[in-house]
Amino acid sequence: MRNKSRDKLTVLIPAPRLSTGFAPIWLADALGYAAEEGVDVIFDLARSGSPKQAVEGVVAGDGDMTFVNIVFSMMARDRGVPLRVFYGFVRAQNRSFTVPVKSSIRRLAELRGKTIGLHFDDPELFAFAKAVLVGVGIGPDREVSFMPLPGTPFNVERMAAALRDGEVDAVWQLDILSGLMAAEGVSLRHLPAPIDRLTPSSTMCALDESLVSRPRVFGAFGRAVAKATVFALANPAAAIRVIWRRYPDAGPRPGEDEKRAFRGELASLKERLEGQRIETAAVPKWGAITEQEIAAWQEFLFTTKAINTRRPPSEYFTDALVSEFNSFDPQAIIAQANEYSV
């Protein structure tokens, strides 16, 4: 039974099922951090399932917030939707074009005439992929072919087979795919792109009015996620086990080999967590985003025609809650993670 004294926060999930690739989000609840902060978190997949659906759900009032690539909120703001980023969740760029390590393709320009698989097929992520190609002079509607990567997003064996057998030449992927494929013996190589320097990538966002009217609950949830990120970085294996125990649907499916599944999830999570470190960030604090980062993102999206208007960077984000996100002792969380047993 939910504690009625806590503030409820409905988080719309931008994926068709819970995945340990988003470990800090689930751990914020599973480890009790959100409850300690006075937040009763409700994870809702029923009205979302993809980044686009999750964003649309927040705009429609079906949920309080979601966590998606920053391009979604910036494109929404370009359409006049008052969606605002308030927490930098994944610092490093988590979208890229990749090819199998043995591929002869070395540069994005060499994708002309090739077939590109889409990992997590979503209209606005597709628009993001097109913008990247436009940025290097490729006409995405006439010079390349796109198709959903066979098996996407969670049939790991099928995705690995598609890459191994050359059904696609390259993939527009989420970072976790590299870990999953490496665990299947299909190593991928990143193709350098102009977006590599753009940070952050995945962010938490909510409507302006929600952030103004409920700053305490968003600050508290962000702090819970920051604690969970510290925990996952310190002990990613324990993070997976905690999530599987708390959310069985996130674990191996019936008939799936648990050891194989765990190996893939661990490789995937480690890949993602590297992008969540803050040591080299312009402001090395959990959730922090700078105006310069937003300005760089806007310039890329504007020059590639993904957005139509230049705005003051402050219209896209707020850093008002950063001190709230960081008001905890990370060493205590690291000690907890190192001592944790499932």
C-alpha atoms as a PDB file:
ATOM      1  CA  MET A   1       0.000   0.000   0.000  1.00  0.00           C
ATOM      2  CA  ARG A   2       1.400   3.403  -0.973  1.00  0.00           C
ATOM      3  CA  ASN A   3       2.316   5.906   1.730  1.00  0.00           C
ATOM      4  CA  LYS A   4      -0.225   8.732   1.392  1.00  0.00           C
ATOM      5  CA  SER A   5       2.099  11.192   3.083  1.00  0.00           C
ATOM      6  CA  ARG A   6       4.511  11.114   0.153  1.00  0.00           C
ATOM      7  CA  ASP A   7       4.263  13.270  -2.955  1.00  0.00           C
ATOM      8  CA  LYS A   8       3.319  11.184  -5.960  1.00  0.00           C
ATOM      9  CA  LEU A   9       5.356  11.480  -9.134  1.00  0.00           C
ATOM     10  CA  THR A  10       4.358   9.665 -12.316  1.00  0.00           C
ATOM     11  CA  VAL A  11       7.282   8.928 -14.618  1.00  0.00           C
ATOM     12  CA  LEU A  12       6.395   7.935 -18.181  1.00  0.00           C
ATOM     13  CA  ILE A  13       8.794   5.295 -19.472  1.00  0.00           C
ATOM     14  CA  PRO A  14      10.189   5.876 -23.009  1.00  0.00           C
ATOM     15  CA  ALA A  15      10.608   2.168 -23.775  1.00  0.00           C
ATOM     16  CA  PRO A  16       8.303  -0.850 -24.265  1.00  0.00           C
ATOM     17  CA  ARG A  17       9.630  -2.577 -21.152  1.00  0.00           C
ATOM     18  CA  LEU A  18      11.842  -1.970 -18.158  1.00  0.00           C
ATOM     19  CA  SER A  19      15.506  -2.349 -19.030  1.00  0.00           C
ATOM     20  CA  THR A  20      18.558  -2.227 -16.794  1.00  0.00           C
ATOM     21  CA  GLY A  21      20.059   0.250 -19.269  1.00  0.00           C
ATOM     22  CA  PHE A  22      18.105   2.870 -17.320  1.00  0.00           C
ATOM     23  CA  ALA A  23      19.261   1.425 -13.995  1.00  0.00           C
ATOM     24  CA  PRO A  24      19.414   4.640 -11.907  1.00  0.00           C
ATOM     25  CA  ILE A  25      15.752   5.395 -12.628  1.00  0.00           C
ATOM     26  CA  TRP A  26      14.555   2.017 -11.327  1.00  0.00           C
ATOM     27  CA  LEU A  27      17.092   1.941  -8.507  1.00  0.00           C
ATOM     28  CA  ALA A  28      15.828   5.271  -7.192  1.00  0.00           C
ATOM     29  CA  ASP A  29      12.686   3.355  -6.259  1.00  0.00           C
ATOM     30  CA  ALA A  30      14.038  -0.177  -5.739  1.00  0.00           C
ATOM     31  CA  LEU A  31      16.691   0.909  -3.226  1.00  0.00           C
ATOM     32  CA  GLY A  32      14.235   3.090  -1.341  1.00  0.00           C
ATOM     33  CA  TYR A  33      15.958   6.378  -2.137  1.00  0.00           C
ATOM     34  CA  ALA A  34      12.821   8.041  -3.526  1.00  0.00           C
ATOM     35  CA  ALA A  35      10.774   6.947  -0.505  1.00  0.00           C
ATOM     36  CA  GLU A  36      13.433   8.351   1.821  1.00  0.00           C
ATOM     37  CA  GLU A  37      13.078  11.654  -0.035  1.00  0.00           C
ATOM     38  CA  GLY A  38       9.306  11.630   0.422  1.00  0.00           C
ATOM     39  CA  VAL A  39       8.458  10.712  -3.171  1.00  0.00           C
ATOM     40  CA  ASP A  40       6.080   7.939  -4.183  1.00  0.00           C
ATOM     41  CA  VAL A  41       7.176   7.063  -7.730  1.00  0.00           C
ATOM     42  CA  ILE A  42       4.780   5.537 -10.234  1.00  0.00           C
ATOM     43  CA  PHE A  43       6.425   4.133 -13.364  1.00  0.00           C
ATOM     44  CA  ASP A  44       3.963   4.090 -16.249  1.00  0.00           C
ATOM     45  CA  LEU A  45       4.626   2.092 -19.421  1.00  0.00           C
ATOM     46  CA  ALA A  46       0.979   1.696 -20.379  1.00  0.00           C
ATOM     47  CA  ARG A  47       0.650   5.208 -21.826  1.00  0.00           C
ATOM     48  CA  SER A  48       4.142   5.479 -23.263  1.00  0.00           C
ATOM     49  CA  GLY A  49       6.455   2.793 -24.688  1.00  0.00           C
ATOM     50  CA  SER A  50       8.616   4.992 -26.896  1.00  0.00           C
ATOM     51  CA  PRO A  51      10.380   8.345 -26.433  1.00  0.00           C
ATOM     52  CA  LYS A  52       7.856  10.149 -28.640  1.00  0.00           C
ATOM     53  CA  GLN A  53       4.883   8.644 -26.785  1.00  0.00           C
ATOM     54  CA  ALA A  54       6.414   9.441 -23.402  1.00  0.00           C
ATOM     55  CA  VAL A  55       6.957  13.090 -24.355  1.00  0.00           C
ATOM     56  CA  GLU A  56       3.459  13.370 -25.781  1.00  0.00           C
ATOM     57  CA  GLY A  57       2.103  11.836 -22.571  1.00  0.00           C
ATOM     58  CA  VAL A  58       3.810  14.444 -20.408  1.00  0.00           C
ATOM     59  CA  VAL A  59       2.499  17.219 -22.656  1.00  0.00           C
ATOM     60  CA  ALA A  60      -1.018  15.756 -22.430  1.00  0.00           C
ATOM     61  CA  GLY A  61      -0.832  15.531 -18.643  1.00  0.00           C
ATOM     62  CA  ASP A  62      -0.748  11.722 -18.462  1.00  0.00           C
ATOM     63  CA  GLY A  63       2.462  11.858 -16.419  1.00  0.00           C
ATOM     64  CA  ASP A  64       4.639  14.362 -14.599  1.00  0.00           C
ATOM     65  CA  MET A  65       7.948  13.764 -16.367  1.00  0.00           C
ATOM     66  CA  THR A  66      10.005  11.502 -18.580  1.00  0.00           C
ATOM     67  CA  PHE A  67      13.651  10.983 -19.500  1.00  0.00           C
ATOM     68  CA  VAL A  68      14.630  11.156 -23.178  1.00  0.00           C
ATOM     69  CA  ASN A  69      17.302  12.498 -25.487  1.00  0.00           C
ATOM     70  CA  ILE A  70      17.538  16.261 -25.213  1.00  0.00           C
ATOM     71  CA  VAL A  71      16.533  16.686 -28.865  1.00  0.00           C
ATOM     72  CA  PHE A  72      12.935  15.780 -27.956  1.00  0.00           C
ATOM     73  CA  SER A  73      12.475  18.667 -25.546  1.00  0.00           C
ATOM     74  CA  MET A  74      14.310  21.105 -27.828  1.00  0.00           C
ATOM     75  CA  MET A  75      12.174  20.125 -30.814  1.00  0.00           C
ATOM     76  CA  ALA A  76       9.073  20.410 -28.626  1.00  0.00           C
ATOM     77  CA  ARG A  77      10.055  23.916 -27.505  1.00  0.00           C
ATOM     78  CA  ASP A  78      10.601  24.813 -31.172  1.00  0.00           C
ATOM     79  CA  ARG A  79       6.920  23.903 -31.736  1.00  0.00           C
ATOM     80  CA  GLY A  80       5.882  26.117 -28.837  1.00  0.00           C
ATOM     81  CA  VAL A  81       5.414  23.295 -26.312  1.00  0.00           C
ATOM     82  CA  PRO A  82       6.501  24.399 -22.795  1.00  0.00           C
ATOM     83  CA  LEU A  83       8.637  21.310 -22.099  1.00  0.00           C
ATOM     84  CA  ARG A  84      11.816  21.985 -20.153  1.00  0.00           C
ATOM     85  CA  VAL A  85      14.925  19.959 -19.296  1.00  0.00           C
ATOM     86  CA  PHE A  86      15.800  19.987 -15.591  1.00  0.00           C
ATOM     87  CA  TYR A  87      18.341  17.141 -15.091  1.00  0.00           C
ATOM     88  CA  GLY A  88      21.229  15.961 -17.275  1.00  0.00           C
ATOM     89  CA  PHE A  89      20.844  12.191 -16.926  1.00  0.00           C
ATOM     90  CA  VAL A  90      23.392  10.771 -19.403  1.00  0.00           C
ATOM     91  CA  ARG A  91      26.279  13.181 -19.907  1.00  0.00           C
ATOM     92  CA  ALA A  92      28.065  11.735 -22.936  1.00  0.00           C
ATOM     93  CA  GLN A  93      26.405  11.435 -26.330  1.00  0.00           C
ATOM     94  CA  ASN A  94      24.382   8.219 -26.288  1.00  0.00           C
ATOM     95  CA  ARG A  95      23.308   8.125 -29.933  1.00  0.00           C
ATOM     96  CA  SER A  96      25.689   7.256 -32.740  1.00  0.00           C
ATOM     97  CA  PHE A  97      26.173   5.469 -36.023  1.00  0.00           C
ATOM     98  CA  THR A  98      28.132   2.243 -35.606  1.00  0.00           C
ATOM     99  CA  VAL A  99      29.382  -0.552 -37.830  1.00  0.00           C
ATOM    100  CA  PRO A 100      30.783  -4.017 -37.107  1.00  0.00           C
ATOM    101  CA  VAL A 101      34.490  -3.772 -36.293  1.00  0.00           C
ATOM    102  CA  LYS A 102      35.436  -5.628 -39.493  1.00  0.00           C
ATOM    103  CA  SER A 103      33.501  -3.222 -41.710  1.00  0.00           C
ATOM    104  CA  SER A 104      35.474  -1.204 -44.258  1.00  0.00           C
ATOM    105  CA  ILE A 105      33.376   1.859 -43.424  1.00  0.00           C
ATOM    106  CA  ARG A 106      35.424   4.390 -41.445  1.00  0.00           C
ATOM    107  CA  ARG A 107      33.612   7.702 -41.897  1.00  0.00           C
ATOM    108  CA  LEU A 108      30.001   8.859 -41.966  1.00  0.00           C
ATOM    109  CA  ALA A 109      30.471   9.998 -45.571  1.00  0.00           C
ATOM    110  CA  GLU A 110      30.998   6.349 -46.524  1.00  0.00           C
ATOM    111  CA  LEU A 111      27.403   5.532 -45.534  1.00  0.00           C
ATOM    112  CA  ARG A 112      26.184   6.792 -48.924  1.00  0.00           C
ATOM    113  CA  GLY A 113      24.323   3.987 -50.658  1.00  0.00           C
ATOM    114  CA  LYS A 114      24.234   1.867 -47.492  1.00  0.00           C
ATOM    115  CA  THR A 115      21.389   0.388 -45.431  1.00  0.00           C
ATOM    116  CA  ILE A 116      21.180   1.698 -41.873  1.00  0.00           C
ATOM    117  CA  GLY A 117      19.335  -0.166 -39.155  1.00  0.00           C
ATOM    118  CA  LEU A 118      17.352   1.853 -36.604  1.00  0.00           C
ATOM    119  CA  HIS A 119      17.764   0.718 -33.006  1.00  0.00           C
ATOM    120  CA  PHE A 120      14.582   1.896 -31.261  1.00  0.00           C
ATOM    121  CA  ASP A 121      12.626   3.137 -34.268  1.00  0.00           C
ATOM    122  CA  ASP A 122      11.035   6.442 -33.271  1.00  0.00           C
ATOM    123  CA  PRO A 123      10.045   9.365 -35.547  1.00  0.00           C
ATOM    124  CA  GLU A 124      11.967  12.055 -33.683  1.00  0.00           C
ATOM    125  CA  LEU A 125      15.056   9.899 -33.160  1.00  0.00           C
ATOM    126  CA  PHE A 126      14.844   9.220 -36.900  1.00  0.00           C
ATOM    127  CA  ALA A 127      14.782  12.994 -37.425  1.00  0.00           C
ATOM    128  CA  PHE A 128      17.868  13.243 -35.202  1.00  0.00           C
ATOM    129  CA  ALA A 129      19.654  10.618 -37.324  1.00  0.00           C
ATOM    130  CA  LYS A 130      18.798  12.564 -40.475  1.00  0.00           C
ATOM    131  CA  ALA A 131      20.142  15.770 -38.917  1.00  0.00           C
ATOM    132  CA  VAL A 132      23.475  14.083 -38.206  1.00  0.00           C
ATOM    133  CA  LEU A 133      23.760  12.951 -41.816  1.00  0.00           C
ATOM    134  CA  VAL A 134      22.789  16.384 -43.114  1.00  0.00           C
ATOM    135  CA  GLY A 135      25.570  17.783 -40.931  1.00  0.00           C
ATOM    136  CA  VAL A 136      28.159  15.829 -42.938  1.00  0.00           C
ATOM    137  CA  GLY A 137      26.588  16.535 -46.332  1.00  0.00           C
ATOM    138  CA  ILE A 138      24.579  13.340 -46.864  1.00  0.00           C
ATOM    139  CA  GLY A 139      20.996  13.572 -48.166  1.00  0.00           C
ATOM    140  CA  PRO A 140      19.215  11.176 -45.786  1.00  0.00           C
ATOM    141  CA  ASP A 141      16.103  10.844 -47.966  1.00  0.00           C
ATOM    142  CA  ARG A 142      17.920   9.887 -51.159  1.00  0.00           C
ATOM    143  CA  GLU A 143      21.478   8.742 -50.425  1.00  0.00           C
ATOM    144  CA  VAL A 144      20.907   6.100 -47.716  1.00  0.00           C
ATOM    145  CA  SER A 145      18.240   3.555 -46.824  1.00  0.00           C
ATOM    146  CA  PHE A 146      16.803   3.115 -43.331  1.00  0.00           C
ATOM    147  CA  MET A 147      15.047   0.108 -41.822  1.00  0.00           C
ATOM    148  CA  PRO A 148      14.261  -1.050 -38.286  1.00  0.00           C
ATOM    149  CA  LEU A 149      17.136  -3.215 -37.077  1.00  0.00           C
ATOM    150  CA  PRO A 150      15.791  -6.779 -37.101  1.00  0.00           C
ATOM    151  CA  GLY A 151      15.108  -7.738 -33.499  1.00  0.00           C
ATOM    152  CA  THR A 152      15.021  -4.187 -32.157  1.00  0.00           C
ATOM    153  CA  PRO A 153      14.791  -3.260 -29.391  1.00  0.00           C
ATOM    154  CA  PHE A 154      15.203  -6.280 -27.093  1.00  0.00           C
ATOM    155  CA  ASN A 155      15.670  -9.450 -29.167  1.00  0.00           C
ATOM    156  CA  VAL A 156      19.420  -9.539 -28.653  1.00  0.00           C
ATOM    157  CA  GLU A 157      20.076 -12.751 -30.572  1.00  0.00           C
ATOM    158  CA  ARG A 158      18.159 -11.532 -33.624  1.00  0.00           C
ATOM    159  CA  MET A 159      19.914  -8.156 -33.617  1.00  0.00           C
ATOM    160  CA  ALA A 160      23.290  -9.856 -33.344  1.00  0.00           C
ATOM    161  CA  ALA A 161      22.450 -12.162 -36.258  1.00  0.00           C
ATOM    162  CA  ALA A 162      21.355  -9.216 -38.409  1.00  0.00           C
ATOM    163  CA  LEU A 163      24.642  -7.431 -37.809  1.00  0.00           C
ATOM    164  CA  ARG A 164      26.742 -10.566 -38.158  1.00  0.00           C
ATOM    165  CA  ASP A 165      25.053 -11.543 -41.445  1.00  0.00           C
ATOM    166  CA  GLY A 166      25.198  -8.076 -43.012  1.00  0.00           C
ATOM    167  CA  GLU A 167      21.438  -7.456 -43.211  1.00  0.00           C
ATOM    168  CA  VAL A 168      22.320  -3.848 -42.435  1.00  0.00           C
ATOM    169  CA  ASP A 169      25.581  -2.023 -43.089  1.00  0.00           C
ATOM    170  CA  ALA A 170      25.415   0.262 -40.060  1.00  0.00           C
ATOM    171  CA  VAL A 171      23.168   1.086 -37.128  1.00  0.00           C
ATOM    172  CA  TRP A 172      21.802   4.317 -35.693  1.00  0.00           C
ATOM    173  CA  GLN A 173      21.912   3.127 -32.132  1.00  0.00           C
ATOM    174  CA  LEU A 174      21.450   3.814 -28.472  1.00  0.00           C
ATOM    175  CA  ASP A 175      24.692   3.348 -26.533  1.00  0.00           C
ATOM    176  CA  ILE A 176      23.492   0.217 -24.731  1.00  0.00           C
ATOM    177  CA  LEU A 177      23.458  -1.728 -28.004  1.00  0.00           C
ATOM    178  CA  SER A 178      27.269  -1.804 -28.117  1.00  0.00           C
ATOM    179  CA  GLY A 179      27.398  -3.621 -24.802  1.00  0.00           C
ATOM    180  CA  LEU A 180      24.626  -6.047 -25.752  1.00  0.00           C
ATOM    181  CA  MET A 181      26.281  -6.894 -29.071  1.00  0.00           C
ATOM    182  CA  ALA A 182      29.739  -7.265 -27.539  1.00  0.00           C
ATOM    183  CA  ALA A 183      28.289  -9.827 -25.140  1.00  0.00           C
ATOM    184  CA  GLU A 184      26.974 -11.705 -28.207  1.00  0.00           C
ATOM    185  CA  GLY A 185      30.387 -11.668 -29.880  1.00  0.00           C
ATOM    186  CA  VAL A 186      29.537  -8.881 -32.341  1.00  0.00           C
ATOM    187  CA  SER A 187      31.706  -5.897 -31.508  1.00  0.00           C
ATOM    188  CA  LEU A 188      30.706  -2.539 -32.965  1.00  0.00           C
ATOM    189  CA  ARG A 189      32.815   0.462 -33.905  1.00  0.00           C
ATOM    190  CA  HIS A 190      31.639   4.043 -33.497  1.00  0.00           C
ATOM    191  CA  LEU A 191      31.785   6.344 -36.537  1.00  0.00           C
ATOM    192  CA  PRO A 192      33.008   9.812 -35.477  1.00  0.00           C
ATOM    193  CA  ALA A 193      30.305  12.471 -35.878  1.00  0.00           C
ATOM    194  CA  PRO A 194      29.775  16.179 -35.151  1.00  0.00           C
ATOM    195  CA  ILE A 195      27.366  15.311 -32.319  1.00  0.00           C
ATOM    196  CA  ASP A 196      30.078  13.515 -30.323  1.00  0.00           C
ATOM    197  CA  ARG A 197      31.005  16.768 -28.599  1.00  0.00           C
ATOM    198  CA  LEU A 198      27.407  17.647 -27.661  1.00  0.00           C
ATOM    199  CA  THR A 199      26.371  17.114 -24.055  1.00  0.00           C
ATOM    200  CA  PRO A 200      24.237  16.097 -22.275  1.00  0.00           C
ATOM    201  CA  SER A 201      22.330  13.476 -24.254  1.00  0.00           C
ATOM    202  CA  SER A 202      19.579  11.875 -22.149  1.00  0.00           C
ATOM    203  CA  THR A 203      17.774  14.302 -19.847  1.00  0.00           C
ATOM    204  CA  MET A 204      14.785  14.493 -17.535  1.00  0.00           C
ATOM    205  CA  CYS A 205      12.102  16.910 -18.628  1.00  0.00           C
ATOM    206  CA  ALA A 206       8.739  18.210 -17.451  1.00  0.00           C
ATOM    207  CA  LEU A 207       6.321  20.994 -18.265  1.00  0.00           C
ATOM    208  CA  ASP A 208       7.241  24.496 -17.119  1.00  0.00           C
ATOM    209  CA  GLU A 209       4.177  24.762 -14.897  1.00  0.00           C
ATOM    210  CA  SER A 210       4.986  21.500 -13.125  1.00  0.00           C
ATOM    211  CA  LEU A 211       8.545  22.567 -12.358  1.00  0.00           C
ATOM    212  CA  VAL A 212       7.315  25.894 -10.995  1.00  0.00           C
ATOM    213  CA  SER A 213       4.522  24.435  -8.877  1.00  0.00           C
ATOM    214  CA  ARG A 214       6.319  21.318  -7.565  1.00  0.00           C
ATOM    215  CA  PRO A 215      10.041  22.044  -7.292  1.00  0.00           C
ATOM    216  CA  ARG A 216      10.444  20.020  -4.096  1.00  0.00           C
ATOM    217  CA  VAL A 217       9.269  16.741  -5.631  1.00  0.00           C
ATOM    218  CA  PHE A 218      11.406  17.124  -8.778  1.00  0.00           C
ATOM    219  CA  GLY A 219      14.444  18.073  -6.694  1.00  0.00           C
ATOM    220  CA  ALA A 220      13.877  15.112  -4.395  1.00  0.00           C
ATOM    221  CA  PHE A 221      13.468  12.637  -7.243  1.00  0.00           C
ATOM    222  CA  GLY A 222      16.571  14.002  -8.954  1.00  0.00           C
ATOM    223  CA  ARG A 223      18.517  13.504  -5.734  1.00  0.00           C
ATOM    224  CA  ALA A 224      17.232   9.912  -5.508  1.00  0.00           C
ATOM    225  CA  VAL A 225      18.376   9.279  -9.102  1.00  0.00           C
ATOM    226  CA  ALA A 226      21.777  10.827  -8.349  1.00  0.00           C
ATOM    227  CA  LYS A 227      22.191   8.487  -5.369  1.00  0.00           C
ATOM    228  CA  ALA A 228      21.146   5.544  -7.534  1.00  0.00           C
ATOM    229  CA  THR A 229      23.669   6.535 -10.210  1.00  0.00           C
ATOM    230  CA  VAL A 230      26.462   6.557  -7.633  1.00  0.00           C
ATOM    231  CA  PHE A 231      25.308   3.107  -6.456  1.00  0.00           C
ATOM    232  CA  ALA A 232      25.211   1.669  -9.990  1.00  0.00           C
ATOM    233  CA  LEU A 233      28.655   3.033 -10.862  1.00  0.00           C
ATOM    234  CA  ALA A 234      30.092   1.468  -7.716  1.00  0.00           C
ATOM    235  CA  ASN A 235      28.435  -1.940  -8.146  1.00  0.00           C
ATOM    236  CA  PRO A 236      26.725  -2.469 -11.535  1.00  0.00           C
ATOM    237  CA  ALA A 237      26.288  -6.217 -10.974  1.00  0.00           C
ATOM    238  CA  ALA A 238      24.345  -5.592  -7.768  1.00  0.00           C
ATOM    239  CA  ALA A 239      22.307  -2.926  -9.573  1.00  0.00           C
ATOM    240  CA  ILE A 240      21.081  -5.497 -12.102  1.00  0.00           C
ATOM    241  CA  ARG A 241      20.193  -8.043  -9.425  1.00  0.00           C
ATOM    242  CA  VAL A 242      18.292  -5.438  -7.409  1.00  0.00           C
ATOM    243  CA  ILE A 243      16.278  -4.419 -10.476  1.00  0.00           C
ATOM    244  CA  TRP A 244      15.516  -8.003 -11.466  1.00  0.00           C
ATOM    245  CA  ARG A 245      14.317  -8.778  -7.948  1.00  0.00           C
ATOM    246  CA  ARG A 246      12.158  -5.658  -7.647  1.00  0.00           C
ATOM    247  CA  TYR A 247      10.857  -5.739 -11.253  1.00  0.00           C
ATOM    248  CA  PRO A 248      10.749  -9.341 -12.510  1.00  0.00           C
ATOM    249  CA  ASP A 249       9.570  -8.214 -15.964  1.00  0.00           C
ATOM    250  CA  ALA A 250      12.953  -6.537 -16.453  1.00  0.00           C
ATOM    251  CA  GLY A 251      14.751  -9.851 -15.977  1.00  0.00           C
ATOM    252  CA  PRO A 252      15.248 -12.878 -18.213  1.00  0.00           C
ATOM    253  CA  ARG A 253      12.161 -13.969 -20.096  1.00  0.00           C
ATOM    254  CA  PRO A 254      10.753 -17.521 -19.803  1.00  0.00           C
ATOM    255  CA  GLY A 255      13.178 -19.926 -21.424  1.00  0.00           C
ATOM    256  CA  GLU A 256      15.984 -17.366 -21.636  1.00  0.00           C
ATOM    257  CA  ASP A 257      19.351 -18.396 -20.229  1.00  0.00           C
ATOM    258  CA  GLU A 258      19.881 -16.315 -17.084  1.00  0.00           C
ATOM    259  CA  LYS A 259      23.686 -16.307 -17.236  1.00  0.00           C
ATOM    260  CA  ARG A 260      23.654 -15.200 -20.862  1.00  0.00           C
ATOM    261  CA  ALA A 261      21.072 -12.522 -20.116  1.00  0.00           C
ATOM    262  CA  PHE A 262      23.059 -11.256 -17.134  1.00  0.00           C
ATOM    263  CA  ARG A 263      26.272 -11.116 -19.185  1.00  0.00           C
ATOM    264  CA  GLY A 264      24.558  -8.989 -21.831  1.00  0.00           C
ATOM    265  CA  GLU A 265      22.837  -6.716 -19.327  1.00  0.00           C
ATOM    266  CA  LEU A 266      26.072  -6.140 -17.409  1.00  0.00           C
ATOM    267  CA  ALA A 267      28.025  -5.248 -20.557  1.00  0.00           C
ATOM    268  CA  SER A 268      25.198  -2.950 -21.664  1.00  0.00           C
ATOM    269  CA  LEU A 269      24.902  -1.227 -18.299  1.00  0.00           C
ATOM    270  CA  LYS A 270      28.639  -0.635 -18.009  1.00  0.00           C
ATOM    271  CA  GLU A 271      28.606   0.972 -21.466  1.00  0.00           C
ATOM    272  CA  ARG A 272      25.787   3.310 -20.439  1.00  0.00           C
ATOM    273  CA  LEU A 273      27.215   4.170 -17.018  1.00  0.00           C
ATOM    274  CA  GLU A 274      30.472   5.411 -18.522  1.00  0.00           C
ATOM    275  CA  GLY A 275      28.424   8.133 -20.177  1.00  0.00           C
ATOM    276  CA  GLN A 276      26.853   9.109 -16.859  1.00  0.00           C
ATOM    277  CA  ARG A 277      30.078  10.022 -15.094  1.00  0.00           C
ATOM    278  CA  ILE A 278      30.433  13.680 -14.152  1.00  0.00           C
ATOM    279  CA  GLU A 279      34.156  13.970 -13.390  1.00  0.00           C
ATOM    280  CA  THR A 280      34.998  15.699 -16.676  1.00  0.00           C
ATOM    281  CA  ALA A 281      31.779  17.704 -17.025  1.00  0.00           C
ATOM    282  CA  ALA A 282      31.926  21.508 -17.234  1.00  0.00           C
ATOM    283  CA  VAL A 283      30.065  21.531 -13.911  1.00  0.00           C
ATOM    284  CA  PRO A 284      30.890  18.227 -12.185  1.00  0.00           C
ATOM    285  CA  LYS A 285      27.593  17.901 -10.339  1.00  0.00           C
ATOM    286  CA  TRP A 286      24.765  15.426 -10.784  1.00  0.00           C
ATOM    287  CA  GLY A 287      22.127  16.707 -13.164  1.00  0.00           C
ATOM    288  CA  ALA A 288      23.978  19.911 -14.051  1.00  0.00           C
ATOM    289  CA  ILE A 289      23.615  21.474 -17.512  1.00  0.00           C
ATOM    290  CA  THR A 290      25.216  24.697 -18.719  1.00  0.00           C
ATOM    291  CA  GLU A 291      23.945  27.409 -21.017  1.00  0.00           C
ATOM    292  CA  GLN A 292      26.939  26.796 -23.293  1.00  0.00           C
ATOM    293  CA  GLU A 293      25.934  23.146 -23.730  1.00  0.00           C
ATOM    294  CA  ILE A 294      22.391  24.111 -24.668  1.00  0.00           C
ATOM    295  CA  ALA A 295      23.659  26.770 -27.080  1.00  0.00           C
ATOM    296  CA  ALA A 296      25.836  24.183 -28.851  1.00  0.00           C
ATOM    297  CA  TRP A 297      22.898  21.776 -29.160  1.00  0.00           C
ATOM    298  CA  GLN A 298      20.679  24.522 -30.529  1.00  0.00           C
ATOM    299  CA  GLU A 299      23.253  25.526 -33.133  1.00  0.00           C
ATOM    300  CA  PHE A 300      23.558  21.947 -34.373  1.00  0.00           C
ATOM    301  CA  LEU A 301      19.788  21.427 -34.569  1.00  0.00           C
ATOM    302  CA  PHE A 302      19.235  24.802 -36.232  1.00  0.00           C
ATOM    303  CA  THR A 303      21.942  24.463 -38.875  1.00  0.00           C
ATOM    304  CA  THR A 304      20.716  20.962 -39.785  1.00  0.00           C
ATOM    305  CA  LYS A 305      17.117  22.281 -39.977  1.00  0.00           C
ATOM    306  CA  ALA A 306      15.836  20.034 -37.179  1.00  0.00           C
ATOM    307  CA  ILE A 307      14.520  23.193 -35.484  1.00  0.00           C
ATOM    308  CA  ASN A 308      13.455  26.455 -37.078  1.00  0.00           C
ATOM    309  CA  THR A 309      14.116  29.167 -34.494  1.00  0.00           C
ATOM    310  CA  ARG A 310      17.032  30.283 -32.364  1.00  0.00           C
ATOM    311  CA  ARG A 311      16.038  31.095 -28.789  1.00  0.00           C
ATOM    312  CA  PRO A 312      17.839  32.184 -25.629  1.00  0.00           C
ATOM    313  CA  PRO A 313      19.335  28.922 -24.238  1.00  0.00           C
ATOM    314  CA  SER A 314      17.586  29.557 -20.917  1.00  0.00           C
ATOM    315  CA  GLU A 315      14.244  28.800 -22.587  1.00  0.00           C
ATOM    316  CA  TYR A 316      15.199  25.143 -22.957  1.00  0.00           C
ATOM    317  CA  PHE A 317      16.415  24.223 -19.469  1.00  0.00           C
ATOM    318  CA  THR A 318      16.634  25.100 -15.800  1.00  0.00           C
ATOM    319  CA  ASP A 319      19.527  24.574 -13.397  1.00  0.00           C
ATOM    320  CA  ALA A 320      17.518  25.749 -10.373  1.00  0.00           C
ATOM    321  CA  LEU A 321      17.447  22.304  -8.743  1.00  0.00           C
ATOM    322  CA  VAL A 322      21.082  21.250  -9.139  1.00  0.00           C
ATOM    323  CA  SER A 323      21.965  22.013  -5.525  1.00  0.00           C
ATOM    324  CA  GLU A 324      19.032  19.827  -4.442  1.00  0.00           C
ATOM    325  CA  PHE A 325      20.216  16.941  -6.601  1.00  0.00           C
ATOM    326  CA  ASN A 326      23.652  17.008  -4.961  1.00  0.00           C
ATOM    327  CA  SER A 327      22.763  17.443  -1.296  1.00  0.00           C
ATOM    328  CA  PHE A 328      23.863  13.974  -0.135  1.00  0.00           C
ATOM    329  CA  ASP A 329      27.042  12.120   0.820  1.00  0.00           C
ATOM    330  CA  PRO A 330      28.223  10.032  -2.166  1.00  0.00           C
ATOM    331  CA  GLN A 331      30.760   8.156  -0.034  1.00  0.00           C
ATOM    332  CA  ALA A 332      27.947   6.713   2.075  1.00  0.00           C
ATOM    333  CA  ILE A 333      26.217   5.462  -1.091  1.00  0.00           C
ATOM    334  CA  ILE A 334      29.466   3.947  -2.420  1.00  0.00           C
ATOM    335  CA  ALA A 335      29.967   2.125   0.879  1.00  0.00           C
ATOM    336  CA  GLN A 336      26.393   0.814   0.700  1.00  0.00           C
ATOM    337  CA  ALA A 337      26.935  -0.413  -2.869  1.00  0.00           C
ATOM    338  CA  ASN A 338      30.221  -2.134  -2.060  1.00  0.00           C
ATOM    339  CA  GLU A 339      28.619  -3.952   0.866  1.00  0.00           C
ATOM    340  CA  TYR A 340      25.382  -4.795  -0.904  1.00  0.00           C
ATOM    341  CA  SER A 341      24.396  -8.410  -1.395  1.00  0.00           C
ATOM    342  CA  VAL A 342      21.267  -9.668  -3.103  1.00  0.00           C
END
